[in-house]
Amino acid sequence: MSRSALLLLATLLPGIAVAKDINQIDPACATQKYENYVNASISWYENLVDLTIKKDPSLEGVANWFLEGRRNHFTLNNEAFDYYIANDPSKLNLDAPVESWLNLTQEDIKALSHSQGELAEAAKKVFEFRQSKAHEGNYDLRSALADLLSHPKEIEVPLERYNSEMQALSQTQCDKKA
């Protein structure tokens, strides 16, 4: 085997060896950490929408529609995380940053929305929202949000708050004490 192949293999092995076992994680801590991520994310979107509406009050209707979709998305993720950590932790990637612990694809959401399980109702809201016709003001709202995000001074306060919350979450360790 060539020297570079051995070096590559040697760099990959430590990453494999440190994968977290669910038995090493405090589920209550992980659940709280994920819920804090969800709450920070919802607040971020609410702050962006509030700032957008202040600049253009005519966007309030579409902004409420957009926020409902974001809230439903994060509510489903929160409920799914709680379910999977208790029932099927293999669906979680606890080695990743908190925002990537759970990855529900559109196919996952569709399947859940057609199920009779605990997550069916929340998944149905998200799936139906994604499948429905976009609000007629969607493009205007997206343009206004993009414009807002391109002016860092206008979003400085909520962005610093969100970044601070995410930094605190990244420092929260949920490993069980030995």
N, C-alpha and C. Protein backbone atom coordinates (compact mmCIF):
# COMPACT_ATOMS: atom_id res chain seq x y z
N MET A 1 0.86 -1.17 0.00
CA MET A 1 0.00 0.00 0.00
C MET A 1 0.90 1.23 0.00
N SER A 2 0.52 2.22 -0.77
CA SER A 2 1.36 3.40 -0.85
C SER A 2 1.32 4.19 0.46
N ARG A 3 2.35 4.98 0.62
CA ARG A 3 2.48 5.77 1.85
C ARG A 3 1.32 6.75 2.02
N SER A 4 0.88 7.41 0.94
CA SER A 4 -0.22 8.38 1.05
C SER A 4 -1.54 7.67 1.39
N ALA A 5 -1.72 6.47 0.87
CA ALA A 5 -2.93 5.71 1.22
C ALA A 5 -2.93 5.35 2.69
N LEU A 6 -1.78 4.98 3.22
CA LEU A 6 -1.68 4.66 4.65
C LEU A 6 -1.95 5.88 5.52
N LEU A 7 -1.42 7.03 5.08
CA LEU A 7 -1.67 8.27 5.83
C LEU A 7 -3.16 8.61 5.82
N LEU A 8 -3.80 8.46 4.67
CA LEU A 8 -5.23 8.72 4.58
C LEU A 8 -6.01 7.79 5.50
N LEU A 9 -5.67 6.52 5.47
CA LEU A 9 -6.32 5.54 6.33
C LEU A 9 -6.11 5.88 7.80
N ALA A 10 -4.92 6.30 8.15
CA ALA A 10 -4.62 6.65 9.54
C ALA A 10 -5.41 7.87 10.00
N THR A 11 -5.66 8.80 9.09
CA THR A 11 -6.44 9.98 9.48
C THR A 11 -7.92 9.67 9.60
N LEU A 12 -8.40 8.66 8.88
CA LEU A 12 -9.81 8.30 8.94
C LEU A 12 -10.13 7.47 10.17
N LEU A 13 -9.26 6.63 10.61
CA LEU A 13 -9.53 5.73 11.72
C LEU A 13 -9.88 6.44 13.02
N PRO A 14 -9.17 7.50 13.42
CA PRO A 14 -9.57 8.16 14.67
C PRO A 14 -11.00 8.68 14.62
N GLY A 15 -11.47 9.17 13.47
CA GLY A 15 -12.84 9.65 13.36
C GLY A 15 -13.85 8.54 13.54
N ILE A 16 -13.51 7.40 13.10
CA ILE A 16 -14.39 6.25 13.24
C ILE A 16 -14.43 5.80 14.69
N ALA A 17 -13.30 5.84 15.33
CA ALA A 17 -13.18 5.32 16.70
C ALA A 17 -13.91 6.19 17.72
N VAL A 18 -14.16 7.45 17.42
CA VAL A 18 -14.74 8.33 18.43
C VAL A 18 -16.25 8.54 18.27
N ALA A 19 -16.88 7.81 17.36
CA ALA A 19 -18.33 7.95 17.20
C ALA A 19 -19.02 7.70 18.53
N LYS A 20 -19.95 8.58 18.87
CA LYS A 20 -20.61 8.50 20.16
C LYS A 20 -21.61 7.36 20.19
N ASP A 21 -21.56 6.62 21.25
CA ASP A 21 -22.53 5.57 21.54
C ASP A 21 -23.65 6.24 22.34
N ILE A 22 -24.88 5.95 22.01
CA ILE A 22 -26.02 6.57 22.70
C ILE A 22 -25.95 6.31 24.20
N ASN A 23 -25.34 5.22 24.60
CA ASN A 23 -25.22 4.92 26.02
C ASN A 23 -24.24 5.85 26.74
N GLN A 24 -23.46 6.60 25.97
CA GLN A 24 -22.53 7.56 26.55
C GLN A 24 -23.15 8.96 26.68
N ILE A 25 -24.37 9.11 26.20
CA ILE A 25 -25.04 10.41 26.16
C ILE A 25 -26.12 10.48 27.23
N ASP A 26 -26.21 11.62 27.89
CA ASP A 26 -27.30 11.88 28.82
C ASP A 26 -28.50 12.34 27.98
N PRO A 27 -29.53 11.49 27.84
CA PRO A 27 -30.65 11.84 26.96
C PRO A 27 -31.39 13.10 27.39
N ALA A 28 -31.51 13.34 28.67
CA ALA A 28 -32.21 14.56 29.14
C ALA A 28 -31.43 15.80 28.72
N CYS A 29 -30.12 15.74 28.84
CA CYS A 29 -29.27 16.87 28.43
C CYS A 29 -29.38 17.08 26.92
N ALA A 30 -29.29 16.00 26.15
CA ALA A 30 -29.37 16.11 24.69
C ALA A 30 -30.72 16.65 24.26
N THR A 31 -31.78 16.20 24.90
CA THR A 31 -33.12 16.68 24.58
C THR A 31 -33.23 18.17 24.86
N GLN A 32 -32.71 18.61 25.99
CA GLN A 32 -32.75 20.04 26.33
C GLN A 32 -31.89 20.85 25.38
N LYS A 33 -30.74 20.32 25.01
CA LYS A 33 -29.85 21.02 24.08
C LYS A 33 -30.55 21.20 22.73
N TYR A 34 -31.20 20.14 22.25
CA TYR A 34 -31.88 20.24 20.96
C TYR A 34 -33.06 21.20 21.04
N GLU A 35 -33.79 21.16 22.13
CA GLU A 35 -34.91 22.09 22.31
C GLU A 35 -34.41 23.53 22.33
N ASN A 36 -33.28 23.78 22.96
CA ASN A 36 -32.71 25.13 22.98
C ASN A 36 -32.31 25.57 21.57
N TYR A 37 -31.79 24.63 20.77
CA TYR A 37 -31.47 24.93 19.37
C TYR A 37 -32.74 25.32 18.61
N VAL A 38 -33.80 24.54 18.79
CA VAL A 38 -35.08 24.81 18.13
C VAL A 38 -35.60 26.19 18.53
N ASN A 39 -35.59 26.50 19.82
CA ASN A 39 -36.08 27.79 20.30
C ASN A 39 -35.25 28.94 19.75
N ALA A 40 -33.93 28.78 19.70
CA ALA A 40 -33.05 29.82 19.15
C ALA A 40 -33.35 30.04 17.67
N SER A 41 -33.59 28.96 16.95
CA SER A 41 -33.88 29.06 15.52
C SER A 41 -35.21 29.75 15.26
N ILE A 42 -36.23 29.38 16.00
CA ILE A 42 -37.53 30.03 15.84
C ILE A 42 -37.41 31.52 16.16
N SER A 43 -36.71 31.86 17.24
CA SER A 43 -36.53 33.27 17.60
C SER A 43 -35.80 34.03 16.50
N TRP A 44 -34.80 33.40 15.90
CA TRP A 44 -34.05 34.03 14.81
C TRP A 44 -35.01 34.39 13.66
N TYR A 45 -35.83 33.43 13.25
CA TYR A 45 -36.77 33.70 12.16
C TYR A 45 -37.80 34.76 12.56
N GLU A 46 -38.29 34.70 13.79
CA GLU A 46 -39.25 35.71 14.25
C GLU A 46 -38.62 37.10 14.21
N ASN A 47 -37.38 37.21 14.64
CA ASN A 47 -36.69 38.51 14.62
C ASN A 47 -36.49 39.01 13.19
N LEU A 48 -36.11 38.13 12.28
CA LEU A 48 -35.94 38.54 10.89
C LEU A 48 -37.26 39.02 10.30
N VAL A 49 -38.32 38.30 10.57
CA VAL A 49 -39.63 38.68 10.05
C VAL A 49 -40.09 40.00 10.66
N ASP A 50 -39.89 40.17 11.96
CA ASP A 50 -40.27 41.44 12.60
C ASP A 50 -39.55 42.63 11.95
N LEU A 51 -38.25 42.46 11.71
CA LEU A 51 -37.48 43.53 11.08
C LEU A 51 -37.98 43.79 9.66
N THR A 52 -38.33 42.74 8.95
CA THR A 52 -38.82 42.88 7.58
C THR A 52 -40.15 43.60 7.55
N ILE A 53 -41.03 43.25 8.47
CA ILE A 53 -42.35 43.90 8.52
C ILE A 53 -42.22 45.37 8.90
N LYS A 54 -41.27 45.68 9.78
CA LYS A 54 -41.06 47.10 10.13
C LYS A 54 -40.67 47.91 8.91
N LYS A 55 -39.88 47.30 8.03
CA LYS A 55 -39.46 47.99 6.81
C LYS A 55 -40.58 48.05 5.78
N ASP A 56 -41.41 46.99 5.75
CA ASP A 56 -42.49 46.93 4.76
C ASP A 56 -43.71 46.23 5.37
N PRO A 57 -44.59 47.01 6.02
CA PRO A 57 -45.76 46.43 6.68
C PRO A 57 -46.69 45.65 5.75
N SER A 58 -46.62 45.89 4.45
CA SER A 58 -47.48 45.16 3.52
C SER A 58 -47.13 43.67 3.44
N LEU A 59 -45.99 43.28 4.00
CA LEU A 59 -45.56 41.89 3.97
C LEU A 59 -46.04 41.08 5.17
N GLU A 60 -46.83 41.68 6.03
CA GLU A 60 -47.24 41.01 7.27
C GLU A 60 -47.98 39.69 7.01
N GLY A 61 -48.88 39.66 6.07
CA GLY A 61 -49.65 38.43 5.79
C GLY A 61 -48.75 37.29 5.33
N VAL A 62 -47.90 37.55 4.37
CA VAL A 62 -47.00 36.51 3.89
C VAL A 62 -45.97 36.15 4.95
N ALA A 63 -45.57 37.12 5.75
CA ALA A 63 -44.61 36.84 6.83
C ALA A 63 -45.20 35.90 7.86
N ASN A 64 -46.48 36.08 8.19
CA ASN A 64 -47.14 35.17 9.13
C ASN A 64 -47.24 33.76 8.55
N TRP A 65 -47.52 33.66 7.26
CA TRP A 65 -47.57 32.38 6.57
C TRP A 65 -46.20 31.70 6.62
N PHE A 66 -45.16 32.45 6.32
CA PHE A 66 -43.79 31.95 6.35
C PHE A 66 -43.41 31.46 7.75
N LEU A 67 -43.72 32.27 8.76
CA LEU A 67 -43.39 31.90 10.13
C LEU A 67 -44.13 30.64 10.57
N GLU A 68 -45.36 30.50 10.16
CA GLU A 68 -46.11 29.28 10.49
C GLU A 68 -45.38 28.06 9.93
N GLY A 69 -44.89 28.17 8.71
CA GLY A 69 -44.13 27.07 8.12
C GLY A 69 -42.85 26.77 8.88
N ARG A 70 -42.13 27.80 9.28
CA ARG A 70 -40.88 27.62 10.05
C ARG A 70 -41.18 27.01 11.41
N ARG A 71 -42.21 27.52 12.08
CA ARG A 71 -42.56 26.98 13.41
C ARG A 71 -42.96 25.52 13.30
N ASN A 72 -43.77 25.19 12.30
CA ASN A 72 -44.18 23.80 12.12
C ASN A 72 -42.97 22.90 11.85
N HIS A 73 -42.05 23.39 11.02
CA HIS A 73 -40.83 22.64 10.71
C HIS A 73 -40.03 22.34 11.98
N PHE A 74 -39.79 23.37 12.78
CA PHE A 74 -38.99 23.17 13.99
C PHE A 74 -39.74 22.40 15.06
N THR A 75 -41.05 22.55 15.12
CA THR A 75 -41.85 21.75 16.07
C THR A 75 -41.74 20.28 15.72
N LEU A 76 -41.88 19.95 14.44
CA LEU A 76 -41.72 18.56 14.02
C LEU A 76 -40.33 18.05 14.38
N ASN A 77 -39.31 18.82 14.07
CA ASN A 77 -37.94 18.39 14.38
C ASN A 77 -37.76 18.14 15.87
N ASN A 78 -38.31 19.02 16.69
CA ASN A 78 -38.18 18.86 18.13
C ASN A 78 -38.89 17.58 18.59
N GLU A 79 -40.12 17.37 18.12
CA GLU A 79 -40.87 16.17 18.49
C GLU A 79 -40.17 14.91 17.97
N ALA A 80 -39.64 14.99 16.75
CA ALA A 80 -38.95 13.83 16.16
C ALA A 80 -37.67 13.52 16.94
N PHE A 81 -36.95 14.56 17.34
CA PHE A 81 -35.74 14.32 18.12
C PHE A 81 -36.08 13.61 19.42
N ASP A 82 -37.08 14.13 20.11
CA ASP A 82 -37.51 13.51 21.37
C ASP A 82 -37.90 12.05 21.16
N TYR A 83 -38.63 11.79 20.08
CA TYR A 83 -39.06 10.42 19.78
C TYR A 83 -37.86 9.52 19.48
N TYR A 84 -36.98 9.99 18.59
CA TYR A 84 -35.87 9.14 18.17
C TYR A 84 -34.85 8.91 19.28
N ILE A 85 -34.60 9.88 20.12
CA ILE A 85 -33.62 9.65 21.19
C ILE A 85 -34.14 8.59 22.16
N ALA A 86 -35.46 8.53 22.32
CA ALA A 86 -36.05 7.55 23.23
C ALA A 86 -36.28 6.19 22.56
N ASN A 87 -36.53 6.18 21.25
CA ASN A 87 -36.96 4.95 20.59
C ASN A 87 -36.04 4.42 19.49
N ASP A 88 -35.32 5.29 18.81
CA ASP A 88 -34.47 4.83 17.71
C ASP A 88 -33.31 5.80 17.51
N PRO A 89 -32.35 5.81 18.44
CA PRO A 89 -31.25 6.76 18.37
C PRO A 89 -30.37 6.60 17.12
N SER A 90 -30.51 5.49 16.40
CA SER A 90 -29.74 5.31 15.17
C SER A 90 -30.10 6.36 14.12
N LYS A 91 -31.24 7.01 14.27
CA LYS A 91 -31.68 8.06 13.34
C LYS A 91 -31.00 9.40 13.63
N LEU A 92 -30.22 9.47 14.70
CA LEU A 92 -29.58 10.72 15.11
C LEU A 92 -28.08 10.65 14.87
N ASN A 93 -27.50 11.82 14.62
CA ASN A 93 -26.05 11.93 14.46
C ASN A 93 -25.53 12.86 15.55
N LEU A 94 -25.28 12.31 16.72
CA LEU A 94 -24.88 13.12 17.86
C LEU A 94 -23.41 13.51 17.82
N ASP A 95 -22.68 13.07 16.80
CA ASP A 95 -21.30 13.51 16.60
C ASP A 95 -21.24 14.86 15.89
N ALA A 96 -22.31 15.23 15.24
CA ALA A 96 -22.38 16.47 14.47
C ALA A 96 -22.75 17.64 15.37
N PRO A 97 -22.64 18.86 14.85
CA PRO A 97 -23.16 20.02 15.59
C PRO A 97 -24.67 19.84 15.80
N VAL A 98 -25.21 20.45 16.84
CA VAL A 98 -26.60 20.24 17.24
C VAL A 98 -27.59 20.46 16.09
N GLU A 99 -27.31 21.42 15.22
CA GLU A 99 -28.25 21.68 14.12
C GLU A 99 -28.31 20.54 13.11
N SER A 100 -27.37 19.60 13.19
CA SER A 100 -27.35 18.45 12.29
C SER A 100 -27.61 17.13 12.99
N TRP A 101 -28.06 17.17 14.22
CA TRP A 101 -28.34 15.93 14.95
C TRP A 101 -29.46 15.13 14.29
N LEU A 102 -30.41 15.81 13.72
CA LEU A 102 -31.56 15.16 13.10
C LEU A 102 -31.67 15.66 11.67
N ASN A 103 -31.83 14.73 10.74
CA ASN A 103 -32.01 15.11 9.36
C ASN A 103 -33.20 14.37 8.80
N LEU A 104 -34.33 15.04 8.76
CA LEU A 104 -35.54 14.46 8.18
C LEU A 104 -35.62 14.90 6.72
N THR A 105 -35.58 13.94 5.81
CA THR A 105 -35.73 14.25 4.40
C THR A 105 -37.21 14.47 4.08
N GLN A 106 -37.46 14.98 2.90
CA GLN A 106 -38.84 15.17 2.46
C GLN A 106 -39.55 13.82 2.42
N GLU A 107 -38.84 12.77 2.02
CA GLU A 107 -39.44 11.43 1.99
C GLU A 107 -39.77 10.96 3.41
N ASP A 108 -38.90 11.26 4.37
CA ASP A 108 -39.18 10.90 5.77
C ASP A 108 -40.44 11.59 6.25
N ILE A 109 -40.53 12.88 5.94
CA ILE A 109 -41.69 13.67 6.39
C ILE A 109 -42.96 13.17 5.73
N LYS A 110 -42.88 12.84 4.46
CA LYS A 110 -44.04 12.31 3.75
C LYS A 110 -44.49 11.00 4.40
N ALA A 111 -43.54 10.10 4.66
CA ALA A 111 -43.88 8.81 5.27
C ALA A 111 -44.49 9.01 6.66
N LEU A 112 -43.90 9.89 7.45
CA LEU A 112 -44.44 10.16 8.78
C LEU A 112 -45.84 10.77 8.70
N SER A 113 -46.06 11.62 7.72
CA SER A 113 -47.36 12.29 7.60
C SER A 113 -48.47 11.31 7.23
N HIS A 114 -48.12 10.20 6.63
CA HIS A 114 -49.10 9.19 6.26
C HIS A 114 -49.17 8.06 7.27
N SER A 115 -48.44 8.20 8.35
CA SER A 115 -48.43 7.14 9.37
C SER A 115 -49.48 7.42 10.43
N GLN A 116 -49.57 6.51 11.37
CA GLN A 116 -50.47 6.67 12.51
C GLN A 116 -49.68 6.93 13.79
N GLY A 117 -48.38 7.12 13.67
CA GLY A 117 -47.52 7.24 14.84
C GLY A 117 -47.59 8.60 15.51
N GLU A 118 -46.75 8.73 16.54
CA GLU A 118 -46.71 9.95 17.35
C GLU A 118 -46.39 11.20 16.55
N LEU A 119 -45.62 11.06 15.50
CA LEU A 119 -45.14 12.22 14.75
C LEU A 119 -46.04 12.58 13.56
N ALA A 120 -47.10 11.80 13.36
CA ALA A 120 -47.93 11.95 12.16
C ALA A 120 -48.54 13.35 12.03
N GLU A 121 -49.12 13.87 13.09
CA GLU A 121 -49.81 15.16 13.00
C GLU A 121 -48.84 16.30 12.69
N ALA A 122 -47.71 16.33 13.39
CA ALA A 122 -46.72 17.38 13.14
C ALA A 122 -46.14 17.25 11.73
N ALA A 123 -45.90 16.02 11.30
CA ALA A 123 -45.35 15.79 9.96
C ALA A 123 -46.36 16.19 8.89
N LYS A 124 -47.63 15.93 9.14
CA LYS A 124 -48.68 16.27 8.19
C LYS A 124 -48.71 17.79 7.95
N LYS A 125 -48.58 18.57 9.01
CA LYS A 125 -48.57 20.03 8.86
C LYS A 125 -47.41 20.49 7.98
N VAL A 126 -46.23 19.91 8.23
CA VAL A 126 -45.05 20.30 7.46
C VAL A 126 -45.19 19.85 6.02
N PHE A 127 -45.60 18.62 5.81
CA PHE A 127 -45.72 18.09 4.46
C PHE A 127 -46.75 18.86 3.66
N GLU A 128 -47.90 19.12 4.25
CA GLU A 128 -48.95 19.86 3.54
C GLU A 128 -48.51 21.29 3.22
N PHE A 129 -47.79 21.92 4.14
CA PHE A 129 -47.28 23.27 3.89
C PHE A 129 -46.33 23.24 2.70
N ARG A 130 -45.43 22.28 2.69
CA ARG A 130 -44.45 22.21 1.60
C ARG A 130 -45.09 21.85 0.26
N GLN A 131 -46.18 21.13 0.30
CA GLN A 131 -46.84 20.71 -0.94
C GLN A 131 -47.86 21.74 -1.43
N SER A 132 -48.25 22.65 -0.56
CA SER A 132 -49.28 23.62 -0.95
C SER A 132 -48.69 24.70 -1.85
N LYS A 133 -49.58 25.41 -2.48
CA LYS A 133 -49.17 26.53 -3.33
C LYS A 133 -48.57 27.61 -2.44
N ALA A 134 -47.46 28.16 -2.89
CA ALA A 134 -46.80 29.22 -2.12
C ALA A 134 -47.71 30.45 -2.04
N HIS A 135 -47.59 31.16 -0.93
CA HIS A 135 -48.32 32.41 -0.74
C HIS A 135 -47.96 33.35 -1.89
N GLU A 136 -48.93 34.12 -2.36
CA GLU A 136 -48.68 35.00 -3.50
C GLU A 136 -47.58 36.04 -3.22
N GLY A 137 -47.34 36.35 -1.97
CA GLY A 137 -46.30 37.31 -1.62
C GLY A 137 -44.97 36.66 -1.26
N ASN A 138 -44.85 35.35 -1.48
CA ASN A 138 -43.64 34.63 -1.09
C ASN A 138 -42.37 35.22 -1.70
N TYR A 139 -42.41 35.51 -3.00
CA TYR A 139 -41.22 36.06 -3.66
C TYR A 139 -40.85 37.41 -3.06
N ASP A 140 -41.85 38.24 -2.79
CA ASP A 140 -41.57 39.56 -2.20
C ASP A 140 -40.95 39.42 -0.81
N LEU A 141 -41.47 38.49 -0.02
CA LEU A 141 -40.91 38.27 1.31
C LEU A 141 -39.48 37.75 1.20
N ARG A 142 -39.26 36.77 0.37
CA ARG A 142 -37.90 36.21 0.21
C ARG A 142 -36.92 37.28 -0.25
N SER A 143 -37.36 38.13 -1.14
CA SER A 143 -36.51 39.23 -1.61
C SER A 143 -36.21 40.20 -0.47
N ALA A 144 -37.23 40.51 0.33
CA ALA A 144 -37.04 41.42 1.46
C ALA A 144 -36.10 40.80 2.50
N LEU A 145 -36.26 39.50 2.75
CA LEU A 145 -35.36 38.82 3.69
C LEU A 145 -33.93 38.80 3.17
N ALA A 146 -33.75 38.54 1.89
CA ALA A 146 -32.41 38.55 1.30
C ALA A 146 -31.79 39.93 1.40
N ASP A 147 -32.59 40.94 1.16
CA ASP A 147 -32.10 42.31 1.28
C ASP A 147 -31.68 42.61 2.72
N LEU A 148 -32.51 42.21 3.64
CA LEU A 148 -32.20 42.42 5.06
C LEU A 148 -30.91 41.72 5.45
N LEU A 149 -30.75 40.49 5.01
CA LEU A 149 -29.55 39.72 5.36
C LEU A 149 -28.29 40.28 4.71
N SER A 150 -28.45 41.06 3.67
CA SER A 150 -27.28 41.66 3.01
C SER A 150 -26.85 42.97 3.68
N HIS A 151 -27.55 43.36 4.74
CA HIS A 151 -27.20 44.56 5.50
C HIS A 151 -26.94 44.17 6.96
N PRO A 152 -25.72 43.72 7.26
CA PRO A 152 -25.41 43.18 8.60
C PRO A 152 -25.73 44.12 9.76
N LYS A 153 -25.62 45.41 9.57
CA LYS A 153 -25.90 46.33 10.67
C LYS A 153 -27.37 46.27 11.08
N GLU A 154 -28.26 46.00 10.13
CA GLU A 154 -29.69 45.96 10.42
C GLU A 154 -30.10 44.71 11.21
N ILE A 155 -29.29 43.68 11.13
CA ILE A 155 -29.61 42.43 11.83
C ILE A 155 -28.62 42.14 12.95
N GLU A 156 -27.81 43.11 13.29
CA GLU A 156 -26.73 42.90 14.25
C GLU A 156 -27.21 42.34 15.59
N VAL A 157 -28.24 42.92 16.17
CA VAL A 157 -28.71 42.49 17.49
C VAL A 157 -29.25 41.06 17.47
N PRO A 158 -30.20 40.73 16.58
CA PRO A 158 -30.68 39.34 16.59
C PRO A 158 -29.62 38.34 16.16
N LEU A 159 -28.72 38.75 15.26
CA LEU A 159 -27.67 37.84 14.82
C LEU A 159 -26.69 37.55 15.96
N GLU A 160 -26.33 38.58 16.70
CA GLU A 160 -25.44 38.36 17.85
C GLU A 160 -26.11 37.47 18.90
N ARG A 161 -27.39 37.67 19.12
CA ARG A 161 -28.14 36.84 20.08
C ARG A 161 -28.15 35.38 19.62
N TYR A 162 -28.47 35.17 18.35
CA TYR A 162 -28.50 33.81 17.80
C TYR A 162 -27.12 33.17 17.86
N ASN A 163 -26.11 33.89 17.44
CA ASN A 163 -24.74 33.35 17.47
C ASN A 163 -24.30 33.04 18.89
N SER A 164 -24.67 33.87 19.83
CA SER A 164 -24.34 33.63 21.24
C SER A 164 -25.03 32.37 21.74
N GLU A 165 -26.31 32.21 21.40
CA GLU A 165 -27.04 31.01 21.81
C GLU A 165 -26.44 29.75 21.18
N MET A 166 -26.06 29.83 19.92
CA MET A 166 -25.46 28.68 19.25
C MET A 166 -24.07 28.37 19.82
N GLN A 167 -23.33 29.39 20.17
CA GLN A 167 -22.01 29.18 20.79
C GLN A 167 -22.17 28.47 22.14
N ALA A 168 -23.13 28.92 22.93
CA ALA A 168 -23.38 28.28 24.22
C ALA A 168 -23.80 26.82 24.02
N LEU A 169 -24.62 26.56 23.02
CA LEU A 169 -25.03 25.19 22.74
C LEU A 169 -23.85 24.32 22.32
N SER A 170 -22.95 24.88 21.54
CA SER A 170 -21.80 24.09 21.10
C SER A 170 -20.88 23.73 22.27
N GLN A 171 -20.93 24.51 23.32
CA GLN A 171 -20.10 24.22 24.50
C GLN A 171 -20.79 23.32 25.52
N THR A 172 -22.08 23.07 25.32
CA THR A 172 -22.81 22.19 26.22
C THR A 172 -22.49 20.75 25.90
N GLN A 173 -21.92 20.05 26.86
CA GLN A 173 -21.56 18.65 26.67
C GLN A 173 -22.61 17.77 27.34
N CYS A 174 -23.06 16.76 26.63
CA CYS A 174 -24.10 15.88 27.14
C CYS A 174 -23.58 14.46 27.38
N ASP A 175 -22.27 14.33 27.49
CA ASP A 175 -21.70 13.01 27.80
C ASP A 175 -22.03 12.66 29.24
N LYS A 176 -22.35 11.38 29.45
CA LYS A 176 -22.60 10.92 30.81
C LYS A 176 -21.29 10.98 31.59
N LYS A 177 -21.41 11.31 32.83
CA LYS A 177 -20.23 11.35 33.70
C LYS A 177 -19.83 9.93 34.04
N ALA A 178 -18.54 9.69 34.01
CA ALA A 178 -18.03 8.32 34.27
C ALA A 178 -18.22 7.89 35.69
